């Protein structure tokens, strides 16, 4: 079963890297409830216009990082 990763819309290089690694990628708006992890740009703390989204999924910031660096972090957190 593929892991579901929710990402912000403006992270297309990260989306491509995640799909290449076999993850199912959804936007935060459509997939944050079912996501195994969430990747954010780090530029906006207010996801979806909601100040306090509660999730058990790890939230990973992509700010200042390459897709490869985020993938390494993601794999650690999902293992």
PDB file of N, CA and C in Angstrom:
ATOM      1  N   UNK A   1       0.838  -1.187   0.000  1.00  0.00           N
ATOM      2  CA  UNK A   1       0.000   0.000   0.000  1.00  0.00           C
ATOM      3  C   UNK A   1       0.880   1.247   0.000  1.00  0.00           C
ATOM      4  N   UNK A   2       0.600   2.147  -0.936  1.00  0.00           N
ATOM      5  CA  UNK A   2       1.393   3.363  -1.040  1.00  0.00           C
ATOM      6  C   UNK A   2       1.124   4.290   0.137  1.00  0.00           C
ATOM      7  N   UNK A   3       2.170   4.953   0.598  1.00  0.00           N
ATOM      8  CA  UNK A   3       2.018   5.990   1.616  1.00  0.00           C
ATOM      9  C   UNK A   3       1.500   7.249   0.935  1.00  0.00           C
ATOM     10  N   UNK A   4       0.587   7.947   1.604  1.00  0.00           N
ATOM     11  CA  UNK A   4       0.008   9.173   1.075  1.00  0.00           C
ATOM     12  C   UNK A   4       0.754  10.360   1.674  1.00  0.00           C
ATOM     13  N   UNK A   5       1.246  11.223   0.798  1.00  0.00           N
ATOM     14  CA  UNK A   5       1.955  12.414   1.229  1.00  0.00           C
ATOM     15  C   UNK A   5       1.172  13.625   0.723  1.00  0.00           C
ATOM     16  N   UNK A   6       0.805  14.514   1.633  1.00  0.00           N
ATOM     17  CA  UNK A   6       0.110  15.746   1.256  1.00  0.00           C
ATOM     18  C   UNK A   6       1.144  16.864   1.178  1.00  0.00           C
ATOM     19  N   UNK A   7       1.093  17.630   0.090  1.00  0.00           N
ATOM     20  CA  UNK A   7       2.060  18.716  -0.075  1.00  0.00           C
ATOM     21  C   UNK A   7       1.363  19.998  -0.502  1.00  0.00           C
ATOM     22  N   UNK A   8       2.028  21.119  -0.236  1.00  0.00           N
ATOM     23  CA  UNK A   8       1.522  22.403  -0.694  1.00  0.00           C
ATOM     24  C   UNK A   8       1.615  22.471  -2.214  1.00  0.00           C
ATOM     25  N   UNK A   9       0.731  23.240  -2.815  1.00  0.00           N
ATOM     26  CA  UNK A   9       0.640  23.345  -4.269  1.00  0.00           C
ATOM     27  C   UNK A   9       1.928  23.829  -4.945  1.00  0.00           C
ATOM     28  N   UNK A  10       2.702  24.640  -4.282  1.00  0.00           N
ATOM     29  CA  UNK A  10       3.867  25.268  -4.904  1.00  0.00           C
ATOM     30  C   UNK A  10       5.144  24.433  -4.796  1.00  0.00           C
ATOM     31  N   UNK A  11       5.021  23.150  -4.553  1.00  0.00           N
ATOM     32  CA  UNK A  11       6.193  22.290  -4.354  1.00  0.00           C
ATOM     33  C   UNK A  11       6.316  21.217  -5.435  1.00  0.00           C
ATOM     34  N   UNK A  12       6.162  21.607  -6.702  1.00  0.00           N
ATOM     35  CA  UNK A  12       6.164  20.619  -7.781  1.00  0.00           C
ATOM     36  C   UNK A  12       7.462  19.820  -7.911  1.00  0.00           C
ATOM     37  N   UNK A  13       8.657  20.369  -7.668  1.00  0.00           N
ATOM     38  CA  UNK A  13       9.856  19.511  -7.726  1.00  0.00           C
ATOM     39  C   UNK A  13       9.806  18.401  -6.672  1.00  0.00           C
ATOM     40  N   UNK A  14       9.214  18.707  -5.528  1.00  0.00           N
ATOM     41  CA  UNK A  14       9.084  17.713  -4.463  1.00  0.00           C
ATOM     42  C   UNK A  14       8.037  16.670  -4.841  1.00  0.00           C
ATOM     43  N   UNK A  15       6.961  17.115  -5.483  1.00  0.00           N
ATOM     44  CA  UNK A  15       5.923  16.185  -5.938  1.00  0.00           C
ATOM     45  C   UNK A  15       6.505  15.165  -6.911  1.00  0.00           C
ATOM     46  N   UNK A  16       7.301  15.636  -7.874  1.00  0.00           N
ATOM     47  CA  UNK A  16       7.913  14.722  -8.844  1.00  0.00           C
ATOM     48  C   UNK A  16       8.821  13.707  -8.153  1.00  0.00           C
ATOM     49  N   UNK A  17       9.633  14.167  -7.206  1.00  0.00           N
ATOM     50  CA  UNK A  17      10.553  13.269  -6.491  1.00  0.00           C
ATOM     51  C   UNK A  17       9.781  12.239  -5.669  1.00  0.00           C
ATOM     52  N   UNK A  18       8.702  12.658  -5.039  1.00  0.00           N
ATOM     53  CA  UNK A  18       7.893  11.742  -4.228  1.00  0.00           C
ATOM     54  C   UNK A  18       7.225  10.681  -5.100  1.00  0.00           C
ATOM     55  N   UNK A  19       6.654  11.098  -6.220  1.00  0.00           N
ATOM     56  CA  UNK A  19       6.011  10.138  -7.127  1.00  0.00           C
ATOM     57  C   UNK A  19       7.034   9.136  -7.669  1.00  0.00           C
ATOM     58  N   UNK A  20       8.227   9.622  -7.984  1.00  0.00           N
ATOM     59  CA  UNK A  20       9.289   8.754  -8.492  1.00  0.00           C
ATOM     60  C   UNK A  20       9.671   7.686  -7.462  1.00  0.00           C
ATOM     61  N   UNK A  21       9.567   8.029  -6.184  1.00  0.00           N
ATOM     62  CA  UNK A  21       9.871   7.089  -5.103  1.00  0.00           C
ATOM     63  C   UNK A  21       8.690   6.184  -4.758  1.00  0.00           C
ATOM     64  N   UNK A  22       7.550   6.379  -5.436  1.00  0.00           N
ATOM     65  CA  UNK A  22       6.405   5.489  -5.238  1.00  0.00           C
ATOM     66  C   UNK A  22       5.361   5.964  -4.252  1.00  0.00           C
ATOM     67  N   UNK A  23       5.469   7.203  -3.803  1.00  0.00           N
ATOM     68  CA  UNK A  23       4.461   7.739  -2.889  1.00  0.00           C
ATOM     69  C   UNK A  23       3.246   8.235  -3.663  1.00  0.00           C
ATOM     70  N   UNK A  24       2.080   8.179  -3.029  1.00  0.00           N
ATOM     71  CA  UNK A  24       0.881   8.802  -3.580  1.00  0.00           C
ATOM     72  C   UNK A  24       0.866  10.239  -3.076  1.00  0.00           C
ATOM     73  N   UNK A  25       0.789  11.194  -3.981  1.00  0.00           N
ATOM     74  CA  UNK A  25       0.884  12.605  -3.613  1.00  0.00           C
ATOM     75  C   UNK A  25      -0.454  13.288  -3.824  1.00  0.00           C
ATOM     76  N   UNK A  26      -0.896  14.021  -2.799  1.00  0.00           N
ATOM     77  CA  UNK A  26      -2.130  14.797  -2.872  1.00  0.00           C
ATOM     78  C   UNK A  26      -1.843  16.207  -2.370  1.00  0.00           C
ATOM     79  N   UNK A  27      -2.705  17.134  -2.756  1.00  0.00           N
ATOM     80  CA  UNK A  27      -2.568  18.477  -2.196  1.00  0.00           C
ATOM     81  C   UNK A  27      -2.970  18.429  -0.724  1.00  0.00           C
ATOM     82  N   UNK A  28      -2.518  19.414   0.022  1.00  0.00           N
ATOM     83  CA  UNK A  28      -2.897  19.466   1.435  1.00  0.00           C
ATOM     84  C   UNK A  28      -4.408  19.579   1.567  1.00  0.00           C
ATOM     85  N   UNK A  29      -5.023  20.386   0.712  1.00  0.00           N
ATOM     86  CA  UNK A  29      -6.474  20.586   0.806  1.00  0.00           C
ATOM     87  C   UNK A  29      -7.245  19.288   0.634  1.00  0.00           C
ATOM     88  N   UNK A  30      -6.792  18.410  -0.264  1.00  0.00           N
ATOM     89  CA  UNK A  30      -7.543  17.180  -0.516  1.00  0.00           C
ATOM     90  C   UNK A  30      -7.070  15.994   0.326  1.00  0.00           C
ATOM     91  N   UNK A  31      -5.862  16.041   0.853  1.00  0.00           N
ATOM     92  CA  UNK A  31      -5.347  14.838   1.490  1.00  0.00           C
ATOM     93  C   UNK A  31      -4.806  14.935   2.902  1.00  0.00           C
ATOM     94  N   UNK A  32      -4.945  16.072   3.559  1.00  0.00           N
ATOM     95  CA  UNK A  32      -4.300  16.190   4.873  1.00  0.00           C
ATOM     96  C   UNK A  32      -4.871  15.248   5.916  1.00  0.00           C
ATOM     97  N   UNK A  33      -6.134  14.897   5.808  1.00  0.00           N
ATOM     98  CA  UNK A  33      -6.735  14.005   6.822  1.00  0.00           C
ATOM     99  C   UNK A  33      -6.201  12.579   6.729  1.00  0.00           C
ATOM    100  N   UNK A  34      -5.916  12.118   5.519  1.00  0.00           N
ATOM    101  CA  UNK A  34      -5.471  10.732   5.331  1.00  0.00           C
ATOM    102  C   UNK A  34      -3.955  10.611   5.155  1.00  0.00           C
ATOM    103  N   UNK A  35      -3.259  11.729   5.176  1.00  0.00           N
ATOM    104  CA  UNK A  35      -1.829  11.721   4.864  1.00  0.00           C
ATOM    105  C   UNK A  35      -1.005  10.990   5.912  1.00  0.00           C
ATOM    106  N   UNK A  36       0.005  10.276   5.418  1.00  0.00           N
ATOM    107  CA  UNK A  36       0.992   9.658   6.303  1.00  0.00           C
ATOM    108  C   UNK A  36       2.051  10.677   6.702  1.00  0.00           C
ATOM    109  N   UNK A  37       2.193  11.725   5.890  1.00  0.00           N
ATOM    110  CA  UNK A  37       3.094  12.837   6.179  1.00  0.00           C
ATOM    111  C   UNK A  37       2.638  14.043   5.364  1.00  0.00           C
ATOM    112  N   UNK A  38       3.027  15.223   5.835  1.00  0.00           N
ATOM    113  CA  UNK A  38       2.666  16.467   5.161  1.00  0.00           C
ATOM    114  C   UNK A  38       3.951  17.251   4.926  1.00  0.00           C
ATOM    115  N   UNK A  39       4.111  17.756   3.706  1.00  0.00           N
ATOM    116  CA  UNK A  39       5.282  18.563   3.377  1.00  0.00           C
ATOM    117  C   UNK A  39       4.811  19.970   3.056  1.00  0.00           C
ATOM    118  N   UNK A  40       5.382  20.938   3.762  1.00  0.00           N
ATOM    119  CA  UNK A  40       5.003  22.337   3.600  1.00  0.00           C
ATOM    120  C   UNK A  40       6.207  23.148   3.132  1.00  0.00           C
ATOM    121  N   UNK A  41       5.924  24.300   2.553  1.00  0.00           N
ATOM    122  CA  UNK A  41       7.010  25.154   2.061  1.00  0.00           C
ATOM    123  C   UNK A  41       7.745  25.836   3.209  1.00  0.00           C
ATOM    124  N   UNK A  42       7.083  25.954   4.346  1.00  0.00           N
ATOM    125  CA  UNK A  42       7.700  26.626   5.484  1.00  0.00           C
ATOM    126  C   UNK A  42       7.472  28.124   5.460  1.00  0.00           C
ATOM    127  N   UNK A  43       6.817  28.624   4.429  1.00  0.00           N
ATOM    128  CA  UNK A  43       6.612  30.058   4.292  1.00  0.00           C
ATOM    129  C   UNK A  43       5.293  30.529   4.893  1.00  0.00           C
ATOM    130  N   UNK A  44       4.381  29.621   5.147  1.00  0.00           N
ATOM    131  CA  UNK A  44       3.076  30.002   5.671  1.00  0.00           C
ATOM    132  C   UNK A  44       2.671  29.009   6.748  1.00  0.00           C
ATOM    133  N   UNK A  45       2.540  29.469   7.974  1.00  0.00           N
ATOM    134  CA  UNK A  45       2.171  28.590   9.073  1.00  0.00           C
ATOM    135  C   UNK A  45       0.679  28.280   9.118  1.00  0.00           C
ATOM    136  N   UNK A  46      -0.112  28.994   8.342  1.00  0.00           N
ATOM    137  CA  UNK A  46      -1.548  28.853   8.398  1.00  0.00           C
ATOM    138  C   UNK A  46      -2.040  27.998   7.227  1.00  0.00           C
ATOM    139  N   UNK A  47      -2.001  26.695   7.370  1.00  0.00           N
ATOM    140  CA  UNK A  47      -2.422  25.777   6.315  1.00  0.00           C
ATOM    141  C   UNK A  47      -3.926  25.864   6.083  1.00  0.00           C
ATOM    142  N   UNK A  48      -4.301  25.944   4.823  1.00  0.00           N
ATOM    143  CA  UNK A  48      -5.711  25.948   4.415  1.00  0.00           C
ATOM    144  C   UNK A  48      -6.520  27.082   5.015  1.00  0.00           C
ATOM    145  N   UNK A  49      -5.875  28.087   5.564  1.00  0.00           N
ATOM    146  CA  UNK A  49      -6.614  29.158   6.209  1.00  0.00           C
ATOM    147  C   UNK A  49      -7.135  28.768   7.574  1.00  0.00           C
ATOM    148  N   UNK A  50      -6.682  27.643   8.076  1.00  0.00           N
ATOM    149  CA  UNK A  50      -7.089  27.171   9.396  1.00  0.00           C
ATOM    150  C   UNK A  50      -5.850  27.220  10.282  1.00  0.00           C
ATOM    151  N   UNK A  51      -5.950  27.914  11.373  1.00  0.00           N
ATOM    152  CA  UNK A  51      -4.777  28.122  12.215  1.00  0.00           C
ATOM    153  C   UNK A  51      -4.299  26.839  12.890  1.00  0.00           C
ATOM    154  N   UNK A  52      -5.214  25.979  13.292  1.00  0.00           N
ATOM    155  CA  UNK A  52      -4.802  24.834  14.096  1.00  0.00           C
ATOM    156  C   UNK A  52      -5.300  23.510  13.530  1.00  0.00           C
ATOM    157  N   UNK A  53      -4.695  23.051  12.471  1.00  0.00           N
ATOM    158  CA  UNK A  53      -5.008  21.727  11.949  1.00  0.00           C
ATOM    159  C   UNK A  53      -4.340  20.714  12.875  1.00  0.00           C
ATOM    160  N   UNK A  54      -5.088  19.722  13.292  1.00  0.00           N
ATOM    161  CA  UNK A  54      -4.512  18.697  14.137  1.00  0.00           C
ATOM    162  C   UNK A  54      -4.351  17.420  13.335  1.00  0.00           C
ATOM    163  N   UNK A  55      -3.125  16.911  13.314  1.00  0.00           N
ATOM    164  CA  UNK A  55      -2.825  15.690  12.585  1.00  0.00           C
ATOM    165  C   UNK A  55      -1.757  14.922  13.335  1.00  0.00           C
ATOM    166  N   UNK A  56      -1.799  13.635  13.206  1.00  0.00           N
ATOM    167  CA  UNK A  56      -0.754  12.797  13.793  1.00  0.00           C
ATOM    168  C   UNK A  56       0.384  12.587  12.815  1.00  0.00           C
ATOM    169  N   UNK A  57       0.175  12.969  11.579  1.00  0.00           N
ATOM    170  CA  UNK A  57       1.197  12.805  10.544  1.00  0.00           C
ATOM    171  C   UNK A  57       2.334  13.795  10.784  1.00  0.00           C
ATOM    172  N   UNK A  58       3.564  13.362  10.525  1.00  0.00           N
ATOM    173  CA  UNK A  58       4.675  14.312  10.653  1.00  0.00           C
ATOM    174  C   UNK A  58       4.561  15.412   9.611  1.00  0.00           C
ATOM    175  N   UNK A  59       4.894  16.629  10.014  1.00  0.00           N
ATOM    176  CA  UNK A  59       4.900  17.772   9.113  1.00  0.00           C
ATOM    177  C   UNK A  59       6.354  18.136   8.865  1.00  0.00           C
ATOM    178  N   UNK A  60       6.737  18.116   7.601  1.00  0.00           N
ATOM    179  CA  UNK A  60       8.132  18.347   7.216  1.00  0.00           C
ATOM    180  C   UNK A  60       8.218  19.636   6.415  1.00  0.00           C
ATOM    181  N   UNK A  61       9.125  20.508   6.818  1.00  0.00           N
ATOM    182  CA  UNK A  61       9.324  21.764   6.098  1.00  0.00           C
ATOM    183  C   UNK A  61      10.328  21.556   4.972  1.00  0.00           C
ATOM    184  N   UNK A  62       9.974  22.057   3.791  1.00  0.00           N
ATOM    185  CA  UNK A  62      10.865  21.970   2.634  1.00  0.00           C
ATOM    186  C   UNK A  62      11.698  23.240   2.465  1.00  0.00           C
ATOM    187  N   UNK A  63      11.487  24.201   3.328  1.00  0.00           N
ATOM    188  CA  UNK A  63      12.152  25.496   3.194  1.00  0.00           C
ATOM    189  C   UNK A  63      13.670  25.346   3.196  1.00  0.00           C
ATOM    190  N   UNK A  64      14.302  25.818   2.113  1.00  0.00           N
ATOM    191  CA  UNK A  64      15.754  25.787   2.004  1.00  0.00           C
ATOM    192  C   UNK A  64      16.349  24.408   1.790  1.00  0.00           C
ATOM    193  N   UNK A  65      15.525  23.441   1.421  1.00  0.00           N
ATOM    194  CA  UNK A  65      15.983  22.057   1.270  1.00  0.00           C
ATOM    195  C   UNK A  65      15.711  21.549  -0.137  1.00  0.00           C
ATOM    196  N   UNK A  66      16.497  20.564  -0.544  1.00  0.00           N
ATOM    197  CA  UNK A  66      16.290  19.927  -1.834  1.00  0.00           C
ATOM    198  C   UNK A  66      15.265  18.801  -1.676  1.00  0.00           C
ATOM    199  N   UNK A  67      14.660  18.370  -2.787  1.00  0.00           N
ATOM    200  CA  UNK A  67      13.759  17.222  -2.699  1.00  0.00           C
ATOM    201  C   UNK A  67      14.447  15.990  -2.102  1.00  0.00           C
ATOM    202  N   UNK A  68      15.713  15.788  -2.419  1.00  0.00           N
ATOM    203  CA  UNK A  68      16.450  14.629  -1.896  1.00  0.00           C
ATOM    204  C   UNK A  68      16.587  14.703  -0.374  1.00  0.00           C
ATOM    205  N   UNK A  69      16.857  15.891   0.153  1.00  0.00           N
ATOM    206  CA  UNK A  69      16.972  16.063   1.608  1.00  0.00           C
ATOM    207  C   UNK A  69      15.642  15.786   2.294  1.00  0.00           C
ATOM    208  N   UNK A  70      14.564  16.248   1.682  1.00  0.00           N
ATOM    209  CA  UNK A  70      13.239  16.017   2.256  1.00  0.00           C
ATOM    210  C   UNK A  70      12.889  14.526   2.204  1.00  0.00           C
ATOM    211  N   UNK A  71      13.251  13.846   1.124  1.00  0.00           N
ATOM    212  CA  UNK A  71      12.990  12.403   1.025  1.00  0.00           C
ATOM    213  C   UNK A  71      13.713  11.624   2.121  1.00  0.00           C
ATOM    214  N   UNK A  72      14.945  11.981   2.410  1.00  0.00           N
ATOM    215  CA  UNK A  72      15.700  11.306   3.476  1.00  0.00           C
ATOM    216  C   UNK A  72      14.978  11.494   4.807  1.00  0.00           C
ATOM    217  N   UNK A  73      14.570  12.724   5.095  1.00  0.00           N
ATOM    218  CA  UNK A  73      13.848  13.025   6.332  1.00  0.00           C
ATOM    219  C   UNK A  73      12.523  12.270   6.376  1.00  0.00           C
ATOM    220  N   UNK A  74      11.811  12.255   5.275  1.00  0.00           N
ATOM    221  CA  UNK A  74      10.524  11.571   5.196  1.00  0.00           C
ATOM    222  C   UNK A  74      10.673  10.080   5.488  1.00  0.00           C
ATOM    223  N   UNK A  75      11.646   9.450   4.866  1.00  0.00           N
ATOM    224  CA  UNK A  75      11.856   8.012   5.077  1.00  0.00           C
ATOM    225  C   UNK A  75      12.182   7.702   6.533  1.00  0.00           C
ATOM    226  N   UNK A  76      12.966   8.562   7.177  1.00  0.00           N
ATOM    227  CA  UNK A  76      13.274   8.378   8.611  1.00  0.00           C
ATOM    228  C   UNK A  76      12.015   8.458   9.458  1.00  0.00           C
ATOM    229  N   UNK A  77      11.195   9.451   9.158  1.00  0.00           N
ATOM    230  CA  UNK A  77      10.001   9.672   9.982  1.00  0.00           C
ATOM    231  C   UNK A  77       8.918   8.623   9.764  1.00  0.00           C
ATOM    232  N   UNK A  78       8.893   8.016   8.586  1.00  0.00           N
ATOM    233  CA  UNK A  78       7.870   7.002   8.296  1.00  0.00           C
ATOM    234  C   UNK A  78       8.302   5.594   8.676  1.00  0.00           C
ATOM    235  N   UNK A  79       9.543   5.433   9.051  1.00  0.00           N
ATOM    236  CA  UNK A  79      10.007   4.065   9.382  1.00  0.00           C
ATOM    237  C   UNK A  79       9.743   3.698  10.817  1.00  0.00           C
TER     238      UNK A  79
END
